[in-house]
Amino acid sequence: MYKKISLVNHHAKEEHTMQSRTYSNSNQTNSQSARAATKMERNRRQAVGISAVLMLFMLTLAVTITTLALNPWRPTEGPKDPPGNEVGTPIVFAMPFNVAFDIIKGYSETDLQWNETAGQWQGHRAIKIAVGRGTPVLATYAGTITSITNDSLEGTIIEITHRDGVVTRYMGLDSNVNVQRGAIVQRGQQIGTVGGRPIDHKDGPHVKLEVLKDGKKVNPADFIPNLDGGNK
């Protein structure tokens, strides 16, 4: 009788052990399935994100191509010459001011002129034009601003490069200018206002105008008709 009961208990234990193993295996299978499902979901989200980025890139590219097709690049338009003063014809400057002015010192290639500030005789390869402080200074011809310099002796200097190797320099301007380096200006356009030249402060407010042709200083009067008249 006792032996029979022991066999029954033994079989029951074996059955319980098998059930436990089956349950454990089932849990492991479910855990593996969950991990696989999580990994698949993560991969799906990554794929969706990559697809969205690619679609955005393609849309941006399409918009860029369409914009360029509708608005093709065109080179920046250069300075314009006034009618009757086109390339190949002699350059004729406009007056540097639109008000009356006086030439207080003319151009001199060889004759020495007395410089009161320096206290000595000097050549003067430019012209000095007296006009009220704050008067607008105008570009005498179309060109490109090639330099703007603040000088302790000459005041603010603006240099404009024109066609045919011609360059103009305006000295004695106020530091608050109307243009910047590299800008294209037209004939008669304001570039600044009259300030002062500390080196010649005894002459009062004025602008010193230099003109260069192929790197050599020349007489501004050769380019500005009736300059001696002072725009009166």
C-alpha atoms as a PDB file:
ATOM      1  CA  MET A   1       0.000   0.000   0.000  1.00  0.00           C
ATOM      2  CA  TYR A   2       2.759   2.430   0.957  1.00  0.00           C
ATOM      3  CA  LYS A   3       4.670   1.573  -2.170  1.00  0.00           C
ATOM      4  CA  LYS A   4       1.674   2.233  -4.326  1.00  0.00           C
ATOM      5  CA  ILE A   5       1.173   5.669  -2.783  1.00  0.00           C
ATOM      6  CA  SER A   6       4.870   6.502  -3.347  1.00  0.00           C
ATOM      7  CA  LEU A   7       4.581   5.667  -7.022  1.00  0.00           C
ATOM      8  CA  VAL A   8       1.552   7.891  -7.318  1.00  0.00           C
ATOM      9  CA  ASN A   9       3.407  10.814  -5.677  1.00  0.00           C
ATOM     10  CA  HIS A  10       6.427  10.242  -7.874  1.00  0.00           C
ATOM     11  CA  HIS A  11       4.323  10.422 -11.003  1.00  0.00           C
ATOM     12  CA  ALA A  12       2.630  13.558  -9.713  1.00  0.00           C
ATOM     13  CA  LYS A  13       5.989  15.251  -9.118  1.00  0.00           C
ATOM     14  CA  GLU A  14       7.188  14.344 -12.605  1.00  0.00           C
ATOM     15  CA  GLU A  15       3.983  15.732 -14.105  1.00  0.00           C
ATOM     16  CA  HIS A  16       4.383  18.971 -12.091  1.00  0.00           C
ATOM     17  CA  THR A  17       7.988  19.320 -13.238  1.00  0.00           C
ATOM     18  CA  MET A  18       6.999  18.862 -16.861  1.00  0.00           C
ATOM     19  CA  GLN A  19       4.236  21.445 -16.492  1.00  0.00           C
ATOM     20  CA  SER A  20       6.743  23.913 -14.953  1.00  0.00           C
ATOM     21  CA  ARG A  21       9.179  23.402 -17.788  1.00  0.00           C
ATOM     22  CA  THR A  22       6.408  23.867 -20.352  1.00  0.00           C
ATOM     23  CA  TYR A  23       5.334  27.123 -18.632  1.00  0.00           C
ATOM     24  CA  SER A  24       8.936  28.376 -18.528  1.00  0.00           C
ATOM     25  CA  ASN A  25       9.458  27.574 -22.192  1.00  0.00           C
ATOM     26  CA  SER A  26       6.223  29.373 -23.021  1.00  0.00           C
ATOM     27  CA  ASN A  27       7.388  32.477 -21.129  1.00  0.00           C
ATOM     28  CA  GLN A  28      10.717  32.456 -22.949  1.00  0.00           C
ATOM     29  CA  THR A  29       8.952  32.147 -26.286  1.00  0.00           C
ATOM     30  CA  ASN A  30       6.624  35.043 -25.425  1.00  0.00           C
ATOM     31  CA  SER A  31       9.596  37.199 -24.289  1.00  0.00           C
ATOM     32  CA  GLN A  32      11.486  36.475 -27.502  1.00  0.00           C
ATOM     33  CA  SER A  33       8.392  37.311 -29.537  1.00  0.00           C
ATOM     34  CA  ALA A  34       7.997  40.614 -27.670  1.00  0.00           C
ATOM     35  CA  ARG A  35      11.617  41.555 -28.275  1.00  0.00           C
ATOM     36  CA  ALA A  36      11.299  40.676 -31.958  1.00  0.00           C
ATOM     37  CA  ALA A  37       8.129  42.761 -32.217  1.00  0.00           C
ATOM     38  CA  THR A  38       9.850  45.734 -30.504  1.00  0.00           C
ATOM     39  CA  LYS A  39      12.808  45.468 -32.861  1.00  0.00           C
ATOM     40  CA  MET A  40      10.499  45.328 -35.891  1.00  0.00           C
ATOM     41  CA  GLU A  41       8.630  48.405 -34.673  1.00  0.00           C
ATOM     42  CA  ARG A  42      11.898  50.279 -34.125  1.00  0.00           C
ATOM     43  CA  ASN A  43      13.081  49.361 -37.627  1.00  0.00           C
ATOM     44  CA  ARG A  44       9.735  50.429 -39.054  1.00  0.00           C
ATOM     45  CA  ARG A  45       9.972  53.829 -37.373  1.00  0.00           C
ATOM     46  CA  GLN A  46      13.533  54.306 -38.608  1.00  0.00           C
ATOM     47  CA  ALA A  47      12.443  53.461 -42.144  1.00  0.00           C
ATOM     48  CA  VAL A  48       9.555  55.945 -41.895  1.00  0.00           C
ATOM     49  CA  GLY A  49      11.957  58.652 -40.626  1.00  0.00           C
ATOM     50  CA  ILE A  50      14.435  58.045 -43.448  1.00  0.00           C
ATOM     51  CA  SER A  51      11.626  58.135 -45.999  1.00  0.00           C
ATOM     52  CA  ALA A  52      10.393  61.451 -44.600  1.00  0.00           C
ATOM     53  CA  VAL A  53      13.877  62.985 -44.807  1.00  0.00           C
ATOM     54  CA  LEU A  54      14.299  61.781 -48.386  1.00  0.00           C
ATOM     55  CA  MET A  55      10.902  63.179 -49.363  1.00  0.00           C
ATOM     56  CA  LEU A  56      11.782  66.562 -47.791  1.00  0.00           C
ATOM     57  CA  PHE A  57      15.117  66.605 -49.624  1.00  0.00           C
ATOM     58  CA  MET A  58      13.469  65.794 -52.956  1.00  0.00           C
ATOM     59  CA  LEU A  59      10.832  68.477 -52.383  1.00  0.00           C
ATOM     60  CA  THR A  60      13.491  71.091 -51.537  1.00  0.00           C
ATOM     61  CA  LEU A  61      15.507  70.099 -54.601  1.00  0.00           C
ATOM     62  CA  ALA A  62      12.432  70.373 -56.824  1.00  0.00           C
ATOM     63  CA  VAL A  63      11.594  73.841 -55.443  1.00  0.00           C
ATOM     64  CA  THR A  64      15.215  74.996 -55.948  1.00  0.00           C
ATOM     65  CA  ILE A  65      15.304  73.748 -59.544  1.00  0.00           C
ATOM     66  CA  THR A  66      11.958  75.406 -60.288  1.00  0.00           C
ATOM     67  CA  THR A  67      13.112  78.703 -58.750  1.00  0.00           C
ATOM     68  CA  LEU A  68      16.322  78.713 -60.778  1.00  0.00           C
ATOM     69  CA  ALA A  69      14.400  77.910 -63.941  1.00  0.00           C
ATOM     70  CA  LEU A  70      11.988  80.796 -63.378  1.00  0.00           C
ATOM     71  CA  ASN A  71      14.692  83.209 -62.154  1.00  0.00           C
ATOM     72  CA  PRO A  72      17.946  82.417 -63.948  1.00  0.00           C
ATOM     73  CA  TRP A  73      21.153  84.019 -62.658  1.00  0.00           C
ATOM     74  CA  ARG A  74      22.126  87.202 -64.423  1.00  0.00           C
ATOM     75  CA  PRO A  75      25.425  89.054 -64.015  1.00  0.00           C
ATOM     76  CA  THR A  76      25.350  92.269 -62.013  1.00  0.00           C
ATOM     77  CA  GLU A  77      24.763  95.215 -64.252  1.00  0.00           C
ATOM     78  CA  GLY A  78      27.828  97.445 -64.402  1.00  0.00           C
ATOM     79  CA  PRO A  79      27.962 101.219 -64.197  1.00  0.00           C
ATOM     80  CA  LYS A  80      26.074 103.014 -66.902  1.00  0.00           C
ATOM     81  CA  ASP A  81      27.474 105.740 -69.109  1.00  0.00           C
ATOM     82  CA  PRO A  82      25.303 108.757 -69.853  1.00  0.00           C
ATOM     83  CA  PRO A  83      23.759 109.057 -73.345  1.00  0.00           C
ATOM     84  CA  GLY A  84      26.354 110.179 -75.835  1.00  0.00           C
ATOM     85  CA  ASN A  85      29.169 109.151 -73.528  1.00  0.00           C
ATOM     86  CA  GLU A  86      29.365 105.417 -74.204  1.00  0.00           C
ATOM     87  CA  VAL A  87      32.463 103.230 -74.272  1.00  0.00           C
ATOM     88  CA  GLY A  88      34.756 104.370 -77.044  1.00  0.00           C
ATOM     89  CA  THR A  89      33.841 108.032 -76.664  1.00  0.00           C
ATOM     90  CA  PRO A  90      35.716 110.598 -74.533  1.00  0.00           C
ATOM     91  CA  ILE A  91      34.748 110.597 -70.846  1.00  0.00           C
ATOM     92  CA  VAL A  92      32.927 113.736 -69.749  1.00  0.00           C
ATOM     93  CA  PHE A  93      32.517 114.268 -66.000  1.00  0.00           C
ATOM     94  CA  ALA A  94      29.583 115.861 -64.219  1.00  0.00           C
ATOM     95  CA  MET A  95      30.206 118.549 -61.621  1.00  0.00           C
ATOM     96  CA  PRO A  96      31.102 117.153 -58.179  1.00  0.00           C
ATOM     97  CA  PHE A  97      28.525 119.460 -56.535  1.00  0.00           C
ATOM     98  CA  ASN A  98      25.086 120.683 -57.441  1.00  0.00           C
ATOM     99  CA  VAL A  99      25.663 124.075 -55.780  1.00  0.00           C
ATOM    100  CA  ALA A 100      27.988 127.000 -56.483  1.00  0.00           C
ATOM    101  CA  PHE A 101      31.620 126.480 -55.496  1.00  0.00           C
ATOM    102  CA  ASP A 102      35.026 128.122 -55.860  1.00  0.00           C
ATOM    103  CA  ILE A 103      38.315 126.690 -57.104  1.00  0.00           C
ATOM    104  CA  ILE A 104      40.749 127.836 -54.421  1.00  0.00           C
ATOM    105  CA  LYS A 105      43.763 126.035 -55.862  1.00  0.00           C
ATOM    106  CA  GLY A 106      44.072 124.723 -59.390  1.00  0.00           C
ATOM    107  CA  TYR A 107      46.046 121.902 -60.954  1.00  0.00           C
ATOM    108  CA  SER A 108      49.740 122.396 -61.580  1.00  0.00           C
ATOM    109  CA  GLU A 109      51.919 119.907 -63.432  1.00  0.00           C
ATOM    110  CA  THR A 110      55.180 121.795 -63.054  1.00  0.00           C
ATOM    111  CA  ASP A 111      54.518 125.210 -61.493  1.00  0.00           C
ATOM    112  CA  LEU A 112      55.073 125.350 -57.748  1.00  0.00           C
ATOM    113  CA  GLN A 113      52.292 126.706 -55.551  1.00  0.00           C
ATOM    114  CA  TRP A 114      52.527 128.002 -52.014  1.00  0.00           C
ATOM    115  CA  ASN A 115      51.113 125.624 -49.389  1.00  0.00           C
ATOM    116  CA  GLU A 116      50.258 127.815 -46.414  1.00  0.00           C
ATOM    117  CA  THR A 117      49.711 124.897 -44.051  1.00  0.00           C
ATOM    118  CA  ALA A 118      52.999 123.185 -44.938  1.00  0.00           C
ATOM    119  CA  GLY A 119      54.753 126.547 -45.235  1.00  0.00           C
ATOM    120  CA  GLN A 120      56.495 125.661 -48.478  1.00  0.00           C
ATOM    121  CA  TRP A 121      56.204 125.683 -52.260  1.00  0.00           C
ATOM    122  CA  GLN A 122      54.790 122.487 -53.736  1.00  0.00           C
ATOM    123  CA  GLY A 123      53.448 121.050 -56.941  1.00  0.00           C
ATOM    124  CA  HIS A 124      49.682 120.528 -56.899  1.00  0.00           C
ATOM    125  CA  ARG A 125      48.393 117.728 -59.123  1.00  0.00           C
ATOM    126  CA  ALA A 126      44.798 118.133 -58.051  1.00  0.00           C
ATOM    127  CA  ILE A 127      42.222 120.845 -57.533  1.00  0.00           C
ATOM    128  CA  LYS A 128      40.841 122.165 -54.260  1.00  0.00           C
ATOM    129  CA  ILE A 129      37.172 123.136 -54.329  1.00  0.00           C
ATOM    130  CA  ALA A 130      35.735 125.327 -51.560  1.00  0.00           C
ATOM    131  CA  VAL A 131      32.124 124.626 -50.635  1.00  0.00           C
ATOM    132  CA  GLY A 132      30.050 124.622 -47.452  1.00  0.00           C
ATOM    133  CA  ARG A 133      30.496 121.871 -44.878  1.00  0.00           C
ATOM    134  CA  GLY A 134      27.809 119.201 -45.267  1.00  0.00           C
ATOM    135  CA  THR A 135      27.301 119.866 -48.992  1.00  0.00           C
ATOM    136  CA  PRO A 136      26.557 116.617 -50.905  1.00  0.00           C
ATOM    137  CA  VAL A 137      29.542 115.318 -52.893  1.00  0.00           C
ATOM    138  CA  LEU A 138      28.589 113.682 -56.207  1.00  0.00           C
ATOM    139  CA  ALA A 139      30.309 111.039 -58.305  1.00  0.00           C
ATOM    140  CA  THR A 140      31.563 112.779 -61.427  1.00  0.00           C
ATOM    141  CA  TYR A 141      31.139 109.608 -63.496  1.00  0.00           C
ATOM    142  CA  ALA A 142      29.792 106.065 -63.323  1.00  0.00           C
ATOM    143  CA  GLY A 143      32.147 103.581 -61.696  1.00  0.00           C
ATOM    144  CA  THR A 144      32.903 101.276 -58.789  1.00  0.00           C
ATOM    145  CA  ILE A 145      33.936 102.328 -55.279  1.00  0.00           C
ATOM    146  CA  THR A 146      37.381 100.778 -54.934  1.00  0.00           C
ATOM    147  CA  SER A 147      38.414 102.225 -51.569  1.00  0.00           C
ATOM    148  CA  ILE A 148      37.169 104.290 -48.635  1.00  0.00           C
ATOM    149  CA  THR A 149      39.877 105.531 -46.274  1.00  0.00           C
ATOM    150  CA  ASN A 150      39.756 107.638 -43.122  1.00  0.00           C
ATOM    151  CA  ASP A 151      42.993 109.630 -43.062  1.00  0.00           C
ATOM    152  CA  SER A 152      44.119 111.811 -40.153  1.00  0.00           C
ATOM    153  CA  LEU A 153      45.446 114.478 -42.560  1.00  0.00           C
ATOM    154  CA  GLU A 154      43.205 114.230 -45.631  1.00  0.00           C
ATOM    155  CA  GLY A 155      39.907 113.354 -43.926  1.00  0.00           C
ATOM    156  CA  THR A 156      37.789 110.648 -45.535  1.00  0.00           C
ATOM    157  CA  ILE A 157      38.963 109.661 -49.024  1.00  0.00           C
ATOM    158  CA  ILE A 158      36.742 107.894 -51.552  1.00  0.00           C
ATOM    159  CA  GLU A 159      38.239 106.406 -54.698  1.00  0.00           C
ATOM    160  CA  ILE A 160      36.120 105.495 -57.736  1.00  0.00           C
ATOM    161  CA  THR A 161      37.417 103.434 -60.649  1.00  0.00           C
ATOM    162  CA  HIS A 162      35.825 104.290 -63.990  1.00  0.00           C
ATOM    163  CA  ARG A 163      36.296 102.868 -67.471  1.00  0.00           C
ATOM    164  CA  ASP A 164      39.309 103.372 -69.729  1.00  0.00           C
ATOM    165  CA  GLY A 165      41.812 103.440 -66.837  1.00  0.00           C
ATOM    166  CA  VAL A 166      40.344 106.578 -65.239  1.00  0.00           C
ATOM    167  CA  VAL A 167      40.200 106.920 -61.434  1.00  0.00           C
ATOM    168  CA  THR A 168      38.867 109.776 -59.277  1.00  0.00           C
ATOM    169  CA  ARG A 169      39.728 110.498 -55.646  1.00  0.00           C
ATOM    170  CA  TYR A 170      37.683 112.759 -53.393  1.00  0.00           C
ATOM    171  CA  MET A 171      39.496 113.943 -50.241  1.00  0.00           C
ATOM    172  CA  GLY A 172      38.104 115.871 -47.302  1.00  0.00           C
ATOM    173  CA  LEU A 173      34.737 114.129 -46.995  1.00  0.00           C
ATOM    174  CA  ASP A 174      32.873 113.576 -43.756  1.00  0.00           C
ATOM    175  CA  SER A 175      33.377 110.085 -42.309  1.00  0.00           C
ATOM    176  CA  ASN A 176      29.639 109.348 -42.618  1.00  0.00           C
ATOM    177  CA  VAL A 177      29.608 108.350 -46.290  1.00  0.00           C
ATOM    178  CA  ASN A 178      26.711 107.182 -48.480  1.00  0.00           C
ATOM    179  CA  VAL A 179      28.448 104.256 -50.182  1.00  0.00           C
ATOM    180  CA  GLN A 180      30.532 101.210 -49.379  1.00  0.00           C
ATOM    181  CA  ARG A 181      33.515  99.543 -50.979  1.00  0.00           C
ATOM    182  CA  GLY A 182      32.560  97.557 -54.081  1.00  0.00           C
ATOM    183  CA  ALA A 183      29.354  99.511 -54.704  1.00  0.00           C
ATOM    184  CA  ILE A 184      28.497 100.645 -58.222  1.00  0.00           C
ATOM    185  CA  VAL A 185      27.637 104.333 -58.482  1.00  0.00           C
ATOM    186  CA  GLN A 186      26.163 106.365 -61.292  1.00  0.00           C
ATOM    187  CA  ARG A 187      27.154 109.735 -62.690  1.00  0.00           C
ATOM    188  CA  GLY A 188      25.832 112.437 -60.340  1.00  0.00           C
ATOM    189  CA  GLN A 189      25.052 110.030 -57.480  1.00  0.00           C
ATOM    190  CA  GLN A 190      25.809 111.272 -53.962  1.00  0.00           C
ATOM    191  CA  ILE A 191      28.732 109.493 -52.334  1.00  0.00           C
ATOM    192  CA  GLY A 192      29.140 111.605 -49.204  1.00  0.00           C
ATOM    193  CA  THR A 193      29.238 115.135 -47.813  1.00  0.00           C
ATOM    194  CA  VAL A 194      31.913 117.773 -47.364  1.00  0.00           C
ATOM    195  CA  GLY A 195      33.813 117.406 -44.097  1.00  0.00           C
ATOM    196  CA  GLY A 196      37.326 118.810 -43.886  1.00  0.00           C
ATOM    197  CA  ARG A 197      41.015 118.231 -44.588  1.00  0.00           C
ATOM    198  CA  PRO A 198      42.986 118.720 -41.367  1.00  0.00           C
ATOM    199  CA  ILE A 199      46.194 119.207 -43.330  1.00  0.00           C
ATOM    200  CA  ASP A 200      44.679 122.289 -45.031  1.00  0.00           C
ATOM    201  CA  HIS A 201      42.305 123.424 -42.286  1.00  0.00           C
ATOM    202  CA  LYS A 202      43.245 127.070 -42.895  1.00  0.00           C
ATOM    203  CA  ASP A 203      41.474 126.905 -46.243  1.00  0.00           C
ATOM    204  CA  GLY A 204      38.147 126.091 -44.569  1.00  0.00           C
ATOM    205  CA  PRO A 205      35.755 123.349 -45.731  1.00  0.00           C
ATOM    206  CA  HIS A 206      36.773 122.057 -49.165  1.00  0.00           C
ATOM    207  CA  VAL A 207      37.289 118.913 -51.216  1.00  0.00           C
ATOM    208  CA  LYS A 208      40.496 117.973 -52.978  1.00  0.00           C
ATOM    209  CA  LEU A 209      39.788 116.189 -56.265  1.00  0.00           C
ATOM    210  CA  GLU A 210      42.392 114.046 -57.993  1.00  0.00           C
ATOM    211  CA  VAL A 211      42.014 112.362 -61.377  1.00  0.00           C
ATOM    212  CA  LEU A 212      44.304 109.584 -62.590  1.00  0.00           C
ATOM    213  CA  LYS A 213      44.602 108.177 -66.094  1.00  0.00           C
ATOM    214  CA  ASP A 214      46.414 104.840 -66.342  1.00  0.00           C
ATOM    215  CA  GLY A 215      47.939 105.482 -62.910  1.00  0.00           C
ATOM    216  CA  LYS A 216      49.193 109.007 -63.672  1.00  0.00           C
ATOM    217  CA  LYS A 217      47.665 112.149 -62.148  1.00  0.00           C
ATOM    218  CA  VAL A 218      46.073 114.417 -64.757  1.00  0.00           C
ATOM    219  CA  ASN A 219      44.187 117.697 -64.744  1.00  0.00           C
ATOM    220  CA  PRO A 220      40.519 117.231 -63.668  1.00  0.00           C
ATOM    221  CA  ALA A 221      39.628 120.187 -65.901  1.00  0.00           C
ATOM    222  CA  ASP A 222      40.376 117.944 -68.906  1.00  0.00           C
ATOM    223  CA  PHE A 223      37.273 115.916 -67.987  1.00  0.00           C
ATOM    224  CA  ILE A 224      34.918 118.521 -66.482  1.00  0.00           C
ATOM    225  CA  PRO A 225      33.635 121.183 -68.906  1.00  0.00           C
ATOM    226  CA  ASN A 226      33.583 124.720 -67.519  1.00  0.00           C
ATOM    227  CA  LEU A 227      35.119 123.633 -64.222  1.00  0.00           C
ATOM    228  CA  ASP A 228      36.672 127.035 -63.709  1.00  0.00           C
ATOM    229  CA  GLY A 229      33.193 128.527 -63.750  1.00  0.00           C
ATOM    230  CA  GLY A 230      32.508 127.004 -60.347  1.00  0.00           C
ATOM    231  CA  ASN A 231      29.052 125.675 -61.347  1.00  0.00           C
ATOM    232  CA  LYS A 232      27.638 129.203 -60.958  1.00  0.00           C
END
